[in-house]
Amino acid sequence: MYMGRVAVMIFTALAGMPGLLFAQPLESKCRDLRNIVLSEVEISESKMNPASADGLPAHCMVRGTIEKRTGRDGRQYGMGFELRMPEKWEQRFLFQGGGGMDGMIRPALGSSSGADKTPGLARGFAVAATDGGHQGSGPNPMADASFGRDQQARIDNAYRSIERVTEVSRELVRQFYGEAWKHSYIAGCSNGGRQGLMAAQRFPRDFDGIVSGAPAFRVTHAAIGNAWETILFSRIAPADAEGKPILSQAYSDADLKLVADAILKQCDESDGAKDGLVMNTAACNFDPVGLSCSGEKTPACLAPAQVAILKMVFDGPRNSKGEELYSDWPWDPGIASAGWRMLKLGTSKTAVPNSAGVTLMLSGLKGYFMTPYDPDFDPMKYDFDRDPARVEETAALQDPTGTQLSTFIERGGKLILYHGMADPFFSANDTIRYYKALVKDNADVRPGPEWARLFLVPGMTHCAGGGLDNFDALTAIVNWVEKGEAPSQLPATGAGFPGITRPLCPYPAYAKQSADGNFTCAAP
């Protein structure tokens, strides 16, 4: 009788401690997610992954497809996703932005910014990733634009996969941990940066903090710019035996270094230090005309045609009336980097180009950005008067250019933008103009620096590579959202600048060296 009463007392005490008496092993809870019933969701895999040697924690990985269907082209479509939930959870969710035109699920580890090596999963975030609603094919699935023939696939890729994957992740997280997340974030670069801005505009209640790097928020018009520069570069590129231009040889590595050195000579010390970095970007009003050869081309100068084409490229695409079709570009010594070459010119020694601009942007231009679908369109015959109108339908769907963010701001949302000054894919100047518009158009809601800040990264190309590309925007956004600590700077380093640390400053401030040798954020 006495032992019975003790047993009841112990049972009652344990029952008052949720999760202790009826605790289910995480491995079992993870496995059981295969059987969860969610509308139009098919779970294909759920398993516990052990901690790895590279620092990833033990976590439950779930893979599945949302709204599986057959498209008008007979292909199978659906929003594929991966969700990883760490054993030690910080009650945070991170939507990992995609890249290119999606088309594949990259491991949901939670990469955040630049060359930062500590993924969100290792920081205690539950992390989700998606293929954007379609599976690409070919050597680079993210460059496959053939999904553009299907209306729903276009919608899913543009924005709907963000909302649906977040909804499904919210329920899976609740089922696995027994509670909801406290804070939600979205972070990504390029298309992932575009997705972040799309989330702020279309789903302003879903995310507390957004990190948007090199945002492809006008990717349709950036593709026009890529056609513009590819055509221009081809005019001065040497030809093969059949008379076809070898794009990569329009400028040699030595030519690009010549330009980079001239930029440094004029602009490097505008921040107070001669260190190979142009921190005071606004003061760098470079003109390559001084590099033009007076006679024949030599290693010490550029051919006049090379100078003329470079100026036209950096001025951005225009129609015959001189009207801008995309954006101009900042001058940065990162023009001599391997990343700039690979995206702008490529390295192919034949007339078959391998630049990412051609393989991704021009593929997207004829397969998705322009409507109606025209698989036989030749971007090298692009008409800059007639053809730009053909991207407007996709631009209205795909490009998050809106600036009215009152709901996002009023519920406490925070936004960090960053952009490499040597980015050859999307112009940092275009992002600067967008940031200014955001601040201006929401001034009646809340002053811009209280909810949005832009950080320009000298020398960095597209998303990472070159310059000071190692910085931690994810910690900055978490501290801003959860502690109210607005980022006054982002300490940054770079593999190409050993021993150097500089602060990335909120625009329009820049890192300036003072008399004592230290760098602080100064107004331009």
Protein backbone atom coordinates (compact mmCIF):
# COMPACT_ATOMS: atom_id res chain seq x y z
CA MET A 1 0.00 0.00 0.00
CA TYR A 2 2.81 2.39 0.96
CA MET A 3 4.80 1.54 -2.22
CA GLY A 4 1.65 2.16 -4.29
CA ARG A 5 1.26 5.65 -2.85
CA VAL A 6 4.96 6.38 -3.59
CA ALA A 7 4.52 5.21 -7.15
CA VAL A 8 1.50 7.48 -7.61
CA MET A 9 3.42 10.42 -6.14
CA ILE A 10 6.37 9.83 -8.50
CA PHE A 11 4.06 9.46 -11.49
CA THR A 12 2.23 12.67 -10.57
CA ALA A 13 5.51 14.59 -10.17
CA LEU A 14 6.83 13.39 -13.51
CA ALA A 15 3.55 14.15 -15.21
CA GLY A 16 4.00 17.78 -14.21
CA MET A 17 7.28 17.93 -16.14
CA PRO A 18 6.24 17.88 -19.85
CA GLY A 19 8.46 15.80 -22.09
CA LEU A 20 10.24 13.95 -19.27
CA LEU A 21 7.89 11.02 -18.58
CA PHE A 22 6.80 10.44 -22.14
CA ALA A 23 9.96 11.67 -23.87
CA GLN A 24 10.38 10.04 -27.25
CA PRO A 25 13.91 9.52 -28.62
CA LEU A 26 14.70 12.05 -31.34
CA GLU A 27 15.56 9.30 -33.78
CA SER A 28 12.10 7.83 -33.37
CA LYS A 29 10.42 11.24 -33.59
CA CYS A 30 12.34 11.99 -36.74
CA ARG A 31 11.46 8.67 -38.34
CA ASP A 32 7.78 9.15 -37.48
CA LEU A 33 7.66 12.35 -39.56
CA ARG A 34 7.45 10.10 -42.63
CA ASN A 35 3.89 9.33 -41.60
CA ILE A 36 2.74 12.88 -40.93
CA VAL A 37 -0.37 13.87 -42.89
CA LEU A 38 -0.21 17.35 -44.42
CA SER A 39 -2.35 18.51 -47.32
CA GLU A 40 -0.59 17.96 -50.65
CA VAL A 41 2.71 17.10 -48.97
CA GLU A 42 4.61 13.89 -49.68
CA ILE A 43 7.47 13.03 -47.29
CA SER A 44 10.03 10.87 -49.06
CA GLU A 45 12.69 10.65 -46.35
CA SER A 46 13.19 11.43 -42.68
CA LYS A 47 16.24 10.28 -40.76
CA MET A 48 18.65 11.35 -38.04
CA ASN A 49 22.12 12.28 -39.26
CA PRO A 50 24.93 12.00 -36.70
CA ALA A 51 27.24 14.88 -35.87
CA SER A 52 29.94 15.28 -38.49
CA ALA A 53 33.65 16.01 -38.31
CA ASP A 54 33.17 19.33 -40.09
CA GLY A 55 31.13 20.75 -37.22
CA LEU A 56 27.56 19.94 -38.19
CA PRO A 57 25.46 18.78 -35.23
CA ALA A 58 23.31 15.69 -35.05
CA HIS A 59 20.07 16.58 -36.79
CA CYS A 60 16.85 15.26 -38.27
CA MET A 61 16.74 15.60 -42.04
CA VAL A 62 13.38 15.58 -43.81
CA ARG A 63 12.90 15.62 -47.58
CA GLY A 64 9.69 15.88 -49.48
CA THR A 65 7.60 17.45 -52.22
CA ILE A 66 4.71 19.89 -51.97
CA GLU A 67 1.89 19.89 -54.53
CA LYS A 68 3.29 17.25 -56.87
CA ARG A 69 1.70 17.47 -60.31
CA THR A 70 2.15 16.98 -64.06
CA GLY A 71 2.70 20.18 -66.03
CA ARG A 72 1.41 21.15 -69.45
CA ASP A 73 4.71 19.98 -70.93
CA GLY A 74 4.27 16.50 -69.45
CA ARG A 75 7.02 17.04 -66.86
CA GLN A 76 6.66 16.29 -63.18
CA TYR A 77 6.60 19.38 -61.01
CA GLY A 78 6.35 20.10 -57.30
CA MET A 79 8.09 22.17 -54.66
CA GLY A 80 10.88 19.93 -53.48
CA PHE A 81 12.26 20.80 -50.05
CA GLU A 82 14.74 19.74 -47.42
CA LEU A 83 14.43 20.60 -43.72
CA ARG A 84 17.17 19.95 -41.17
CA MET A 85 16.45 20.25 -37.45
CA PRO A 86 19.40 20.16 -35.02
CA GLU A 87 19.43 18.13 -31.83
CA LYS A 88 20.17 21.30 -29.89
CA TRP A 89 17.66 23.86 -31.15
CA GLU A 90 17.70 27.58 -30.43
CA GLN A 91 14.00 27.97 -31.39
CA ARG A 92 14.98 29.74 -34.61
CA PHE A 93 14.05 28.95 -38.22
CA LEU A 94 16.11 29.88 -41.28
CA PHE A 95 14.86 29.72 -44.86
CA GLN A 96 17.98 29.23 -46.96
CA GLY A 97 17.80 31.19 -50.20
CA GLY A 98 18.53 29.49 -53.49
CA GLY A 99 20.72 30.37 -56.45
CA GLY A 100 20.48 30.75 -60.21
CA MET A 101 16.99 29.73 -61.28
CA ASP A 102 16.91 27.11 -58.54
CA GLY A 103 16.09 23.73 -60.11
CA MET A 104 17.87 21.77 -57.38
CA ILE A 105 17.84 21.49 -53.60
CA ARG A 106 21.12 22.53 -52.09
CA PRO A 107 21.81 20.98 -48.66
CA ALA A 108 19.82 22.91 -46.04
CA LEU A 109 22.80 23.91 -43.93
CA GLY A 110 22.03 27.60 -43.65
CA SER A 111 24.83 29.45 -45.44
CA SER A 112 24.37 33.13 -44.70
CA SER A 113 26.83 35.65 -46.11
CA GLY A 114 30.05 35.98 -48.05
CA ALA A 115 32.71 33.44 -47.15
CA ASP A 116 31.39 32.93 -43.61
CA LYS A 117 31.96 29.25 -42.79
CA THR A 118 29.60 28.73 -39.85
CA PRO A 119 26.24 27.56 -41.24
CA GLY A 120 22.96 28.23 -39.50
CA LEU A 121 22.45 24.54 -38.70
CA ALA A 122 25.61 24.59 -36.59
CA ARG A 123 24.23 27.65 -34.77
CA GLY A 124 21.05 25.90 -33.68
CA PHE A 125 18.71 26.96 -36.50
CA ALA A 126 16.21 24.63 -38.10
CA VAL A 127 17.01 25.21 -41.79
CA ALA A 128 14.88 24.70 -44.91
CA ALA A 129 15.81 24.83 -48.60
CA THR A 130 13.82 24.32 -51.81
CA ASP A 131 14.27 23.74 -55.53
CA GLY A 132 11.79 26.51 -56.29
CA GLY A 133 9.15 24.16 -57.69
CA HIS A 134 11.04 22.44 -60.51
CA GLN A 135 13.97 20.13 -61.16
CA GLY A 136 16.51 21.44 -63.66
CA SER A 137 18.54 19.23 -65.96
CA GLY A 138 21.85 19.41 -67.77
CA PRO A 139 25.33 20.11 -66.40
CA ASN A 140 24.02 23.08 -64.42
CA PRO A 141 20.44 22.49 -63.25
CA MET A 142 20.27 26.06 -61.91
CA ALA A 143 20.70 27.38 -65.48
CA ASP A 144 17.86 25.32 -66.95
CA ALA A 145 15.03 27.74 -67.80
CA SER A 146 12.77 25.25 -69.57
CA PHE A 147 10.31 25.32 -66.65
CA GLY A 148 9.28 28.76 -67.92
CA ARG A 149 6.76 27.16 -70.26
CA ASP A 150 4.58 26.12 -67.31
CA GLN A 151 2.55 28.87 -65.62
CA GLN A 152 2.43 27.33 -62.14
CA ALA A 153 6.14 26.53 -62.25
CA ARG A 154 6.82 30.20 -62.99
CA ILE A 155 4.69 31.27 -60.02
CA ASP A 156 6.28 28.72 -57.69
CA ASN A 157 9.78 29.76 -58.73
CA ALA A 158 9.03 33.47 -58.42
CA TYR A 159 7.58 33.48 -54.92
CA ARG A 160 5.08 30.79 -53.91
CA SER A 161 7.66 28.16 -52.93
CA ILE A 162 8.92 30.55 -50.21
CA GLU A 163 5.52 30.67 -48.54
CA ARG A 164 4.60 26.99 -48.93
CA VAL A 165 7.95 25.58 -47.79
CA THR A 166 7.84 27.88 -44.77
CA GLU A 167 4.30 26.73 -43.92
CA VAL A 168 5.23 23.05 -44.16
CA SER A 169 8.46 23.59 -42.22
CA ARG A 170 6.51 25.33 -39.46
CA GLU A 171 4.34 22.25 -38.93
CA LEU A 172 7.22 19.77 -39.16
CA VAL A 173 9.22 21.79 -36.62
CA ARG A 174 6.23 21.83 -34.28
CA GLN A 175 5.78 18.07 -34.61
CA PHE A 176 9.47 17.30 -34.07
CA TYR A 177 10.23 19.65 -31.17
CA GLY A 178 6.75 19.84 -29.66
CA GLU A 179 6.76 23.64 -29.88
CA ALA A 180 6.84 26.42 -32.46
CA TRP A 181 9.84 28.53 -33.36
CA LYS A 182 10.19 31.92 -31.68
CA HIS A 183 11.97 33.72 -34.50
CA SER A 184 12.13 33.16 -38.25
CA TYR A 185 14.75 34.36 -40.71
CA ILE A 186 15.51 34.18 -44.40
CA ALA A 187 19.05 34.59 -45.72
CA GLY A 188 20.58 34.20 -49.13
CA CYS A 189 22.52 35.78 -51.94
CA SER A 190 21.78 36.37 -55.62
CA ASN A 191 18.47 34.57 -56.22
CA GLY A 192 18.45 33.93 -52.47
CA GLY A 193 18.78 37.69 -51.92
CA ARG A 194 15.88 38.18 -54.34
CA GLN A 195 13.83 35.70 -52.34
CA GLY A 196 14.55 37.69 -49.17
CA LEU A 197 13.19 40.89 -50.71
CA MET A 198 10.25 38.95 -52.14
CA ALA A 199 9.45 37.66 -48.65
CA ALA A 200 9.48 41.20 -47.23
CA GLN A 201 7.11 42.37 -49.96
CA ARG A 202 4.70 39.43 -50.36
CA PHE A 203 4.91 37.68 -46.98
CA PRO A 204 5.67 40.50 -44.51
CA ARG A 205 4.40 38.54 -41.49
CA ASP A 206 6.44 35.37 -42.09
CA PHE A 207 9.97 36.52 -41.25
CA ASP A 208 11.44 38.61 -38.44
CA GLY A 209 14.83 39.16 -40.06
CA ILE A 210 16.11 39.10 -43.63
CA VAL A 211 19.67 38.98 -44.96
CA SER A 212 19.66 39.81 -48.67
CA GLY A 213 22.98 39.64 -50.49
CA ALA A 214 23.58 40.85 -54.07
CA PRO A 215 19.82 40.68 -54.59
CA ALA A 216 18.69 39.72 -58.07
CA PHE A 217 15.70 41.99 -57.61
CA ARG A 218 15.84 43.13 -61.25
CA VAL A 219 17.20 39.95 -62.75
CA THR A 220 15.11 40.33 -65.91
CA HIS A 221 16.79 43.64 -66.70
CA ALA A 222 20.20 42.43 -65.55
CA ALA A 223 19.84 39.75 -68.23
CA ILE A 224 19.34 42.52 -70.81
CA GLY A 225 22.57 44.00 -69.48
CA ASN A 226 24.32 40.68 -69.94
CA ALA A 227 23.19 40.51 -73.57
CA TRP A 228 24.46 44.09 -74.01
CA GLU A 229 27.94 43.40 -72.67
CA THR A 230 28.30 40.00 -74.34
CA ILE A 231 27.53 41.58 -77.71
CA LEU A 232 29.96 44.43 -77.00
CA PHE A 233 32.77 42.16 -75.81
CA SER A 234 32.31 40.00 -78.92
CA ARG A 235 32.98 43.02 -81.15
CA ILE A 236 36.58 43.30 -79.94
CA ALA A 237 37.29 39.63 -79.18
CA PRO A 238 39.72 37.86 -81.53
CA ALA A 239 38.07 35.40 -83.89
CA ASP A 240 38.73 31.71 -84.45
CA ALA A 241 39.37 30.13 -87.84
CA GLU A 242 35.66 30.34 -88.67
CA GLY A 243 35.43 34.00 -87.77
CA LYS A 244 33.59 33.42 -84.50
CA PRO A 245 34.60 35.59 -81.52
CA ILE A 246 36.45 34.05 -78.58
CA LEU A 247 34.69 36.01 -75.84
CA SER A 248 37.19 35.37 -73.05
CA GLN A 249 39.99 37.00 -75.04
CA ALA A 250 38.35 40.40 -75.40
CA TYR A 251 40.59 41.34 -72.46
CA SER A 252 43.60 39.44 -71.19
CA ASP A 253 44.30 39.02 -67.50
CA ALA A 254 47.05 41.59 -67.93
CA ASP A 255 44.56 44.03 -69.47
CA LEU A 256 42.21 43.70 -66.51
CA LYS A 257 45.09 44.08 -64.04
CA LEU A 258 46.06 47.27 -65.86
CA VAL A 259 42.56 48.61 -65.19
CA ALA A 260 42.60 47.44 -61.57
CA ASP A 261 45.96 49.09 -60.92
CA ALA A 262 44.71 52.36 -62.40
CA ILE A 263 41.62 52.25 -60.17
CA LEU A 264 43.82 51.71 -57.12
CA LYS A 265 46.18 54.50 -58.12
CA GLN A 266 43.26 56.95 -58.26
CA CYS A 267 40.98 55.66 -55.49
CA ASP A 268 42.88 53.46 -53.00
CA GLU A 269 44.00 56.21 -50.61
CA SER A 270 40.63 57.99 -50.54
CA ASP A 271 39.92 56.09 -47.30
CA GLY A 272 43.20 57.12 -45.70
CA ALA A 273 45.14 53.92 -46.33
CA LYS A 274 47.03 52.45 -49.27
CA ASP A 275 46.11 48.80 -48.84
CA GLY A 276 44.62 47.55 -52.11
CA LEU A 277 41.04 48.19 -50.97
CA VAL A 278 38.74 50.99 -52.07
CA MET A 279 36.54 51.57 -49.01
CA ASN A 280 35.38 55.07 -50.00
CA THR A 281 33.45 53.80 -53.01
CA ALA A 282 31.46 57.00 -53.56
CA ALA A 283 34.67 58.95 -54.18
CA CYS A 284 35.95 56.59 -56.90
CA ASN A 285 34.97 58.41 -60.09
CA PHE A 286 37.25 56.48 -62.40
CA ASP A 287 37.50 56.87 -66.18
CA PRO A 288 39.60 54.37 -68.18
CA VAL A 289 40.23 56.83 -71.02
CA GLY A 290 43.72 57.50 -69.66
CA LEU A 291 44.66 53.88 -70.38
CA SER A 292 44.11 54.23 -74.12
CA CYS A 293 47.13 53.58 -76.32
CA SER A 294 48.21 56.49 -78.50
CA GLY A 295 49.61 54.05 -81.02
CA GLU A 296 49.69 50.29 -81.26
CA LYS A 297 48.54 48.14 -78.34
CA THR A 298 51.25 47.47 -75.76
CA PRO A 299 51.24 45.78 -72.32
CA ALA A 300 51.17 49.26 -70.77
CA CYS A 301 47.90 50.39 -72.38
CA LEU A 302 44.57 49.28 -73.83
CA ALA A 303 43.53 49.50 -77.45
CA PRO A 304 41.15 52.45 -77.98
CA ALA A 305 38.38 50.00 -78.90
CA GLN A 306 38.91 48.15 -75.59
CA VAL A 307 38.57 51.41 -73.66
CA ALA A 308 35.45 52.43 -75.58
CA ILE A 309 33.77 49.06 -75.03
CA LEU A 310 34.69 49.00 -71.34
CA LYS A 311 33.11 52.43 -70.86
CA MET A 312 29.93 51.30 -72.64
CA VAL A 313 29.75 48.15 -70.49
CA PHE A 314 30.17 50.05 -67.22
CA ASP A 315 27.65 52.70 -68.31
CA GLY A 316 25.09 49.91 -68.69
CA PRO A 317 22.69 48.96 -71.51
CA ARG A 318 20.75 51.64 -73.36
CA ASN A 319 18.35 51.82 -76.26
CA SER A 320 18.84 54.01 -79.31
CA LYS A 321 17.33 56.97 -77.42
CA GLY A 322 19.98 56.66 -74.72
CA GLU A 323 17.47 55.44 -72.11
CA GLU A 324 18.80 53.10 -69.40
CA LEU A 325 17.66 49.49 -69.61
CA TYR A 326 19.39 48.23 -66.44
CA SER A 327 22.14 49.97 -64.45
CA ASP A 328 25.63 51.37 -64.54
CA TRP A 329 28.42 49.63 -62.56
CA PRO A 330 30.91 50.79 -59.91
CA TRP A 331 34.63 50.74 -60.67
CA ASP A 332 36.47 48.42 -58.30
CA PRO A 333 39.91 46.73 -58.51
CA GLY A 334 38.10 43.41 -58.22
CA ILE A 335 37.76 43.64 -62.01
CA ALA A 336 41.07 41.76 -62.17
CA SER A 337 39.83 38.83 -60.06
CA ALA A 338 39.11 35.34 -61.33
CA GLY A 339 35.49 35.71 -60.19
CA TRP A 340 34.89 38.80 -62.31
CA ARG A 341 36.40 37.11 -65.35
CA MET A 342 34.45 33.89 -64.89
CA LEU A 343 31.08 35.60 -64.71
CA LYS A 344 31.69 38.32 -67.31
CA LEU A 345 34.09 36.84 -69.89
CA GLY A 346 34.77 33.22 -68.99
CA THR A 347 37.95 31.27 -69.63
CA SER A 348 37.05 29.29 -72.75
CA LYS A 349 39.81 29.25 -75.36
CA THR A 350 37.29 28.55 -78.10
CA ALA A 351 34.30 30.39 -79.54
CA VAL A 352 32.01 28.35 -77.26
CA PRO A 353 31.71 30.68 -74.22
CA ASN A 354 31.73 29.32 -70.69
CA SER A 355 31.06 32.50 -68.72
CA ALA A 356 28.31 32.20 -66.13
CA GLY A 357 26.71 35.25 -67.69
CA VAL A 358 26.17 33.41 -70.95
CA THR A 359 25.31 29.98 -69.53
CA LEU A 360 22.91 31.29 -66.87
CA MET A 361 21.69 34.78 -67.71
CA LEU A 362 21.29 34.38 -71.47
CA SER A 363 19.70 30.97 -70.94
CA GLY A 364 17.23 32.61 -68.57
CA LEU A 365 16.63 35.46 -70.98
CA LYS A 366 15.38 33.30 -73.83
CA GLY A 367 13.81 30.55 -71.73
CA TYR A 368 12.09 32.35 -68.87
CA PHE A 369 12.56 36.10 -68.67
CA MET A 370 11.15 36.82 -72.14
CA THR A 371 7.59 35.89 -73.02
CA PRO A 372 6.22 34.20 -74.94
CA TYR A 373 8.63 31.29 -74.67
CA ASP A 374 11.02 31.39 -77.63
CA PRO A 375 13.59 28.56 -77.56
CA ASP A 376 15.09 29.64 -80.90
CA PHE A 377 15.78 33.24 -79.86
CA ASP A 378 19.39 34.32 -80.37
CA PRO A 379 20.50 36.70 -77.57
CA MET A 380 23.39 37.83 -79.77
CA LYS A 381 20.79 39.45 -82.05
CA TYR A 382 19.03 41.21 -79.17
CA ASP A 383 17.24 44.39 -80.27
CA PHE A 384 17.62 46.92 -77.45
CA ASP A 385 14.73 49.01 -78.77
CA ARG A 386 12.17 46.28 -79.44
CA ASP A 387 13.05 43.32 -77.18
CA PRO A 388 13.17 44.86 -73.65
CA ALA A 389 9.35 44.99 -73.56
CA ARG A 390 9.36 41.19 -73.77
CA VAL A 391 10.66 40.83 -70.19
CA GLU A 392 7.95 42.92 -68.54
CA GLU A 393 5.51 40.05 -67.91
CA THR A 394 8.13 38.01 -66.07
CA ALA A 395 9.47 41.12 -64.33
CA ALA A 396 6.03 41.72 -62.78
CA LEU A 397 6.10 38.16 -61.45
CA GLN A 398 9.77 37.65 -60.60
CA ASP A 399 11.32 41.01 -59.67
CA PRO A 400 10.64 42.26 -56.10
CA THR A 401 11.07 45.96 -56.84
CA GLY A 402 8.31 47.16 -54.49
CA THR A 403 9.18 49.51 -51.64
CA GLN A 404 5.98 49.65 -49.57
CA LEU A 405 6.94 47.56 -46.52
CA SER A 406 4.81 49.09 -43.76
CA THR A 407 3.55 45.75 -42.39
CA PHE A 408 7.04 44.23 -42.29
CA ILE A 409 8.42 47.32 -40.57
CA GLU A 410 5.60 47.84 -38.07
CA ARG A 411 5.79 44.27 -36.78
CA GLY A 412 9.49 44.77 -36.08
CA GLY A 413 11.05 43.26 -39.19
CA LYS A 414 14.73 43.96 -39.86
CA LEU A 415 16.60 43.89 -43.18
CA ILE A 416 20.33 43.67 -43.90
CA LEU A 417 21.43 44.16 -47.49
CA TYR A 418 25.00 43.55 -48.66
CA HIS A 419 26.62 43.75 -52.08
CA GLY A 420 30.13 43.24 -53.47
CA MET A 421 31.47 46.29 -55.27
CA ALA A 422 33.10 44.07 -57.92
CA ASP A 423 29.97 41.97 -58.49
CA PRO A 424 29.83 41.25 -62.26
CA PHE A 425 26.32 39.73 -62.19
CA PHE A 426 24.21 42.39 -60.46
CA SER A 427 25.26 45.99 -60.06
CA ALA A 428 25.89 47.31 -56.56
CA ASN A 429 24.81 50.71 -57.90
CA ASP A 430 21.35 49.30 -58.59
CA THR A 431 21.12 47.97 -55.03
CA ILE A 432 22.21 51.36 -53.68
CA ARG A 433 19.40 53.07 -55.58
CA TYR A 434 16.89 50.50 -54.33
CA TYR A 435 18.02 50.99 -50.73
CA LYS A 436 17.62 54.75 -51.05
CA ALA A 437 14.10 54.24 -52.39
CA LEU A 438 13.25 51.89 -49.49
CA VAL A 439 14.36 54.48 -46.95
CA LYS A 440 12.58 57.35 -48.69
CA ASP A 441 9.30 55.53 -49.36
CA ASN A 442 8.96 54.26 -45.78
CA ALA A 443 10.12 57.38 -43.95
CA ASP A 444 6.60 57.96 -42.66
CA VAL A 445 6.62 54.47 -41.09
CA ARG A 446 10.08 54.45 -39.48
CA PRO A 447 13.48 55.98 -40.33
CA GLY A 448 15.45 53.65 -42.59
CA PRO A 449 18.46 52.92 -40.35
CA GLU A 450 16.10 51.69 -37.63
CA TRP A 451 14.99 48.71 -39.73
CA ALA A 452 17.18 48.44 -42.86
CA ARG A 453 20.91 48.79 -43.48
CA LEU A 454 23.09 48.28 -46.55
CA PHE A 455 26.72 47.15 -46.41
CA LEU A 456 28.97 47.50 -49.45
CA VAL A 457 31.86 45.03 -49.67
CA PRO A 458 35.00 46.31 -51.46
CA GLY A 459 36.66 43.89 -53.85
CA MET A 460 34.05 41.13 -53.46
CA THR A 461 32.60 39.69 -56.63
CA HIS A 462 29.30 37.79 -56.73
CA CYS A 463 28.23 36.81 -53.20
CA ALA A 464 31.76 35.72 -52.19
CA GLY A 465 35.26 35.69 -53.57
CA GLY A 466 37.75 38.53 -53.56
CA GLY A 467 38.07 41.55 -51.28
CA LEU A 468 36.79 41.40 -47.71
CA ASP A 469 34.27 38.63 -48.25
CA ASN A 470 34.38 37.01 -44.81
CA PHE A 471 31.79 38.61 -42.50
CA ASP A 472 28.91 37.42 -40.36
CA ALA A 473 25.58 38.95 -41.30
CA LEU A 474 23.55 36.16 -39.68
CA THR A 475 24.69 36.98 -36.15
CA ALA A 476 24.11 40.66 -36.92
CA ILE A 477 20.48 40.13 -37.97
CA VAL A 478 19.77 37.87 -34.97
CA ASN A 479 21.17 40.45 -32.54
CA TRP A 480 19.17 43.19 -34.23
CA VAL A 481 15.89 41.24 -34.13
CA GLU A 482 16.23 39.63 -30.71
CA LYS A 483 18.33 42.14 -28.75
CA GLY A 484 17.60 45.38 -30.52
CA GLU A 485 21.29 45.82 -31.37
CA ALA A 486 21.43 47.52 -34.77
CA PRO A 487 24.67 46.62 -36.62
CA SER A 488 26.94 49.67 -36.54
CA GLN A 489 29.50 47.70 -38.58
CA LEU A 490 30.32 44.19 -39.83
CA PRO A 491 33.97 43.24 -39.15
CA ALA A 492 35.35 41.71 -42.35
CA THR A 493 38.44 39.87 -43.53
CA GLY A 494 39.47 38.28 -46.81
CA ALA A 495 41.76 35.46 -47.89
CA GLY A 496 43.49 37.81 -50.32
CA PHE A 497 44.30 40.30 -47.54
CA PRO A 498 45.92 38.31 -44.73
CA GLY A 499 46.16 40.09 -41.41
CA ILE A 500 43.74 42.83 -42.45
CA THR A 501 40.39 43.46 -40.76
CA ARG A 502 38.16 46.33 -41.79
CA PRO A 503 34.68 47.34 -40.71
CA LEU A 504 31.96 47.19 -43.36
CA CYS A 505 29.90 50.28 -42.60
CA PRO A 506 26.20 50.99 -43.03
CA TYR A 507 25.71 52.96 -46.23
CA PRO A 508 26.54 55.77 -46.89
CA ALA A 509 29.33 55.59 -44.27
CA TYR A 510 32.65 53.97 -45.17
CA ALA A 511 35.69 52.69 -43.27
CA LYS A 512 38.23 55.51 -42.92
CA GLN A 513 41.66 55.35 -41.32
CA SER A 514 42.25 57.88 -38.58
CA ALA A 515 45.55 59.38 -37.45
CA ASP A 516 46.09 56.58 -34.93
CA GLY A 517 45.88 53.96 -37.68
CA ASN A 518 42.48 52.57 -36.68
CA PHE A 519 39.50 52.37 -39.02
CA THR A 520 36.14 53.81 -38.05
CA CYS A 521 32.93 54.39 -39.97
CA ALA A 522 32.87 57.90 -41.39
CA ALA A 523 30.30 59.88 -43.34
CA PRO A 524 31.24 60.44 -47.01
